[in-house]
Amino acid sequence: KNMLMLPFLKKVKQKKGKGRFTKQMDEFQRIIAATFRMVQPLMVLLGLMLIFFVVYCYFFHLLPLSRQNPYSLQFIITTLIGIFILFNILWNYLNAYLCSPGSSHEAMSYDSIQSKLEQYAINRANSTILPNGTATNTTNKYGKT
């Protein structure tokens, strides 16, 4: 089978066994990942506690010190802007925590990378670049030219 083989992929495929250092690093990474899985919810709660502490200080300590009439336009606008900012902080904080970080290209297997590179090379070989810069595919639906 004639395969497109890039030099950096050859090195990846040649690694057969794991050395002692690699096994220790794998174990270390596993321990760190387990630790962070336990600590992560506590850090999120700490962040929420800090946000609500600032809100508490503002509404129950700083706002009464301003001695403004609670029905004045300035007081209402200031309070609405503060609530809007609070909503945005909470929205973005919780969305950052709840969204998946996605996947890495490093996690792809060697075979999937190889097949994608082969397909790219085949598509590239079967296309013709026209003078206006557009590419046309010279193969029909059966893969023949």
C-alpha atoms as a PDB file:
ATOM      1  CA  LYS A   1       0.000   0.000   0.000  1.00  0.00           C
ATOM      2  CA  ASN A   2       1.520   3.287  -1.095  1.00  0.00           C
ATOM      3  CA  MET A   3       1.008   5.712   1.778  1.00  0.00           C
ATOM      4  CA  LEU A   4       1.897   9.333   2.214  1.00  0.00           C
ATOM      5  CA  MET A   5       4.303   9.359   5.173  1.00  0.00           C
ATOM      6  CA  LEU A   6       5.514  12.547   6.789  1.00  0.00           C
ATOM      7  CA  PRO A   7       8.769  12.513   8.799  1.00  0.00           C
ATOM      8  CA  PHE A   8       7.175  13.591  12.090  1.00  0.00           C
ATOM      9  CA  LEU A   9       4.567  10.840  11.798  1.00  0.00           C
ATOM     10  CA  LYS A  10       7.265   8.214  11.238  1.00  0.00           C
ATOM     11  CA  LYS A  11       8.785   9.116  14.590  1.00  0.00           C
ATOM     12  CA  VAL A  12       5.417   8.844  16.319  1.00  0.00           C
ATOM     13  CA  LYS A  13       4.777   5.393  14.857  1.00  0.00           C
ATOM     14  CA  GLN A  14       8.251   4.087  15.725  1.00  0.00           C
ATOM     15  CA  LYS A  15       7.769   4.537  19.481  1.00  0.00           C
ATOM     16  CA  LYS A  16       7.036   0.976  20.572  1.00  0.00           C
ATOM     17  CA  GLY A  17       7.446   0.599  24.333  1.00  0.00           C
ATOM     18  CA  LYS A  18       7.328   3.005  27.209  1.00  0.00           C
ATOM     19  CA  GLY A  19      10.368   3.782  29.256  1.00  0.00           C
ATOM     20  CA  ARG A  20      10.457   4.120  33.018  1.00  0.00           C
ATOM     21  CA  PHE A  21      10.340   7.910  32.880  1.00  0.00           C
ATOM     22  CA  THR A  22       7.312   7.890  30.556  1.00  0.00           C
ATOM     23  CA  LYS A  23       5.420   5.533  32.858  1.00  0.00           C
ATOM     24  CA  GLN A  24       6.189   7.781  35.837  1.00  0.00           C
ATOM     25  CA  MET A  25       4.980  10.834  33.946  1.00  0.00           C
ATOM     26  CA  ASP A  26       1.757   9.024  32.964  1.00  0.00           C
ATOM     27  CA  GLU A  27       1.154   8.147  36.612  1.00  0.00           C
ATOM     28  CA  PHE A  28       1.896  11.722  37.689  1.00  0.00           C
ATOM     29  CA  GLN A  29      -0.546  13.088  35.088  1.00  0.00           C
ATOM     30  CA  ARG A  30      -3.219  10.646  36.249  1.00  0.00           C
ATOM     31  CA  ILE A  31      -2.808  11.764  39.882  1.00  0.00           C
ATOM     32  CA  ILE A  32      -2.897  15.451  38.953  1.00  0.00           C
ATOM     33  CA  ALA A  33      -6.027  14.942  36.817  1.00  0.00           C
ATOM     34  CA  ALA A  34      -7.797  13.124  39.675  1.00  0.00           C
ATOM     35  CA  THR A  35      -6.817  15.866  42.110  1.00  0.00           C
ATOM     36  CA  PHE A  36      -8.137  18.601  39.861  1.00  0.00           C
ATOM     37  CA  ARG A  37     -11.401  16.708  39.312  1.00  0.00           C
ATOM     38  CA  MET A  38     -11.944  16.829  43.086  1.00  0.00           C
ATOM     39  CA  VAL A  39     -10.787  20.434  43.588  1.00  0.00           C
ATOM     40  CA  GLN A  40     -12.531  21.953  40.562  1.00  0.00           C
ATOM     41  CA  PRO A  41     -16.053  22.250  42.078  1.00  0.00           C
ATOM     42  CA  LEU A  42     -14.565  23.808  45.205  1.00  0.00           C
ATOM     43  CA  MET A  43     -12.789  26.441  43.109  1.00  0.00           C
ATOM     44  CA  VAL A  44     -16.028  27.247  41.277  1.00  0.00           C
ATOM     45  CA  LEU A  45     -17.828  27.665  44.603  1.00  0.00           C
ATOM     46  CA  LEU A  46     -15.013  29.875  45.880  1.00  0.00           C
ATOM     47  CA  GLY A  47     -15.322  32.077  42.789  1.00  0.00           C
ATOM     48  CA  LEU A  48     -19.102  32.363  43.224  1.00  0.00           C
ATOM     49  CA  MET A  49     -18.662  33.164  46.914  1.00  0.00           C
ATOM     50  CA  LEU A  50     -16.252  35.990  46.073  1.00  0.00           C
ATOM     51  CA  ILE A  51     -18.656  37.412  43.474  1.00  0.00           C
ATOM     52  CA  PHE A  52     -21.586  37.333  45.899  1.00  0.00           C
ATOM     53  CA  PHE A  53     -19.431  38.812  48.677  1.00  0.00           C
ATOM     54  CA  VAL A  54     -18.717  41.854  46.493  1.00  0.00           C
ATOM     55  CA  VAL A  55     -22.443  42.145  45.674  1.00  0.00           C
ATOM     56  CA  TYR A  56     -23.305  41.910  49.370  1.00  0.00           C
ATOM     57  CA  CYS A  57     -20.768  44.602  50.274  1.00  0.00           C
ATOM     58  CA  TYR A  58     -22.136  46.899  47.594  1.00  0.00           C
ATOM     59  CA  PHE A  59     -25.855  46.552  48.386  1.00  0.00           C
ATOM     60  CA  PHE A  60     -25.675  46.317  52.178  1.00  0.00           C
ATOM     61  CA  HIS A  61     -22.699  48.529  53.035  1.00  0.00           C
ATOM     62  CA  LEU A  62     -21.687  50.940  50.242  1.00  0.00           C
ATOM     63  CA  LEU A  63     -25.119  51.819  48.886  1.00  0.00           C
ATOM     64  CA  PRO A  64     -26.562  52.848  52.295  1.00  0.00           C
ATOM     65  CA  LEU A  65     -23.461  55.003  52.899  1.00  0.00           C
ATOM     66  CA  SER A  66     -24.211  57.009  49.746  1.00  0.00           C
ATOM     67  CA  ARG A  67     -27.330  58.438  51.538  1.00  0.00           C
ATOM     68  CA  GLN A  68     -29.191  58.767  48.252  1.00  0.00           C
ATOM     69  CA  ASN A  69     -32.926  58.724  47.957  1.00  0.00           C
ATOM     70  CA  PRO A  70     -33.779  55.142  46.857  1.00  0.00           C
ATOM     71  CA  TYR A  71     -36.402  56.531  44.487  1.00  0.00           C
ATOM     72  CA  SER A  72     -34.118  58.990  42.717  1.00  0.00           C
ATOM     73  CA  LEU A  73     -33.239  58.461  39.074  1.00  0.00           C
ATOM     74  CA  GLN A  74     -29.486  58.306  39.811  1.00  0.00           C
ATOM     75  CA  PHE A  75     -29.992  55.595  42.453  1.00  0.00           C
ATOM     76  CA  ILE A  76     -32.196  53.491  40.158  1.00  0.00           C
ATOM     77  CA  ILE A  77     -29.817  53.794  37.173  1.00  0.00           C
ATOM     78  CA  THR A  78     -26.786  52.948  39.321  1.00  0.00           C
ATOM     79  CA  THR A  79     -28.554  49.908  40.774  1.00  0.00           C
ATOM     80  CA  LEU A  80     -29.724  48.691  37.338  1.00  0.00           C
ATOM     81  CA  ILE A  81     -26.214  49.026  35.884  1.00  0.00           C
ATOM     82  CA  GLY A  82     -24.834  47.085  38.876  1.00  0.00           C
ATOM     83  CA  ILE A  83     -27.397  44.309  38.416  1.00  0.00           C
ATOM     84  CA  PHE A  84     -26.648  44.181  34.663  1.00  0.00           C
ATOM     85  CA  ILE A  85     -22.904  43.841  35.326  1.00  0.00           C
ATOM     86  CA  LEU A  86     -23.574  41.180  37.991  1.00  0.00           C
ATOM     87  CA  PHE A  87     -25.727  39.182  35.563  1.00  0.00           C
ATOM     88  CA  ASN A  88     -23.008  39.349  32.891  1.00  0.00           C
ATOM     89  CA  ILE A  89     -20.283  38.277  35.327  1.00  0.00           C
ATOM     90  CA  LEU A  90     -22.334  35.296  36.527  1.00  0.00           C
ATOM     91  CA  TRP A  91     -23.427  34.355  32.998  1.00  0.00           C
ATOM     92  CA  ASN A  92     -19.879  34.364  31.619  1.00  0.00           C
ATOM     93  CA  TYR A  93     -18.386  32.666  34.682  1.00  0.00           C
ATOM     94  CA  LEU A  94     -20.888  29.807  34.656  1.00  0.00           C
ATOM     95  CA  ASN A  95     -20.708  29.404  30.866  1.00  0.00           C
ATOM     96  CA  ALA A  96     -16.932  29.184  31.054  1.00  0.00           C
ATOM     97  CA  TYR A  97     -17.286  26.444  33.682  1.00  0.00           C
ATOM     98  CA  LEU A  98     -20.078  24.487  31.979  1.00  0.00           C
ATOM     99  CA  CYS A  99     -18.795  24.565  28.380  1.00  0.00           C
ATOM    100  CA  SER A 100     -16.700  21.692  27.129  1.00  0.00           C
ATOM    101  CA  PRO A 101     -13.128  22.672  26.301  1.00  0.00           C
ATOM    102  CA  GLY A 102     -13.265  20.644  23.093  1.00  0.00           C
ATOM    103  CA  SER A 103     -10.782  18.116  21.877  1.00  0.00           C
ATOM    104  CA  SER A 104      -7.174  18.272  20.924  1.00  0.00           C
ATOM    105  CA  HIS A 105      -5.645  17.241  17.613  1.00  0.00           C
ATOM    106  CA  GLU A 106      -2.974  15.444  19.649  1.00  0.00           C
ATOM    107  CA  ALA A 107      -5.615  12.990  20.825  1.00  0.00           C
ATOM    108  CA  MET A 108      -6.223  11.783  17.286  1.00  0.00           C
ATOM    109  CA  SER A 109      -4.780   8.427  16.462  1.00  0.00           C
ATOM    110  CA  TYR A 110      -1.917   7.968  14.055  1.00  0.00           C
ATOM    111  CA  ASP A 111      -4.149   6.110  11.593  1.00  0.00           C
ATOM    112  CA  SER A 112      -6.791   8.857  11.475  1.00  0.00           C
ATOM    113  CA  ILE A 113      -4.123  11.508  10.859  1.00  0.00           C
ATOM    114  CA  GLN A 114      -2.565   9.344   8.151  1.00  0.00           C
ATOM    115  CA  SER A 115      -5.897   8.760   6.393  1.00  0.00           C
ATOM    116  CA  LYS A 116      -6.762  12.469   6.473  1.00  0.00           C
ATOM    117  CA  LEU A 117      -3.381  13.369   5.023  1.00  0.00           C
ATOM    118  CA  GLU A 118      -3.797  10.761   2.284  1.00  0.00           C
ATOM    119  CA  GLN A 119      -7.261  12.067   1.413  1.00  0.00           C
ATOM    120  CA  TYR A 120      -5.928  15.629   1.325  1.00  0.00           C
ATOM    121  CA  ALA A 121      -3.075  14.582  -0.985  1.00  0.00           C
ATOM    122  CA  ILE A 122      -5.476  12.745  -3.307  1.00  0.00           C
ATOM    123  CA  ASN A 123      -7.845  15.722  -3.461  1.00  0.00           C
ATOM    124  CA  ARG A 124      -4.930  18.048  -4.069  1.00  0.00           C
ATOM    125  CA  ALA A 125      -3.563  15.851  -6.877  1.00  0.00           C
ATOM    126  CA  ASN A 126      -6.962  15.641  -8.581  1.00  0.00           C
ATOM    127  CA  SER A 127      -7.650  19.365  -8.625  1.00  0.00           C
ATOM    128  CA  THR A 128      -6.577  21.880 -11.237  1.00  0.00           C
ATOM    129  CA  ILE A 129      -5.920  25.525 -10.425  1.00  0.00           C
ATOM    130  CA  LEU A 130      -7.468  27.861 -12.996  1.00  0.00           C
ATOM    131  CA  PRO A 131      -5.922  31.245 -13.945  1.00  0.00           C
ATOM    132  CA  ASN A 132      -8.502  33.094 -11.829  1.00  0.00           C
ATOM    133  CA  GLY A 133      -7.297  31.203  -8.716  1.00  0.00           C
ATOM    134  CA  THR A 134     -10.206  28.780  -8.311  1.00  0.00           C
ATOM    135  CA  ALA A 135      -9.687  25.044  -8.064  1.00  0.00           C
ATOM    136  CA  THR A 136     -11.633  22.507 -10.074  1.00  0.00           C
ATOM    137  CA  ASN A 137     -11.859  18.814  -9.407  1.00  0.00           C
ATOM    138  CA  THR A 138     -10.893  16.794 -12.480  1.00  0.00           C
ATOM    139  CA  THR A 139     -12.362  13.489 -11.279  1.00  0.00           C
ATOM    140  CA  ASN A 140     -15.863  12.237 -11.822  1.00  0.00           C
ATOM    141  CA  LYS A 141     -18.020  10.624  -9.148  1.00  0.00           C
ATOM    142  CA  TYR A 142     -16.243   7.256  -9.708  1.00  0.00           C
ATOM    143  CA  GLY A 143     -12.777   8.703  -9.020  1.00  0.00           C
ATOM    144  CA  LYS A 144     -11.675   8.541 -12.681  1.00  0.00           C
ATOM    145  CA  THR A 145     -10.426  11.459 -14.736  1.00  0.00           C
END
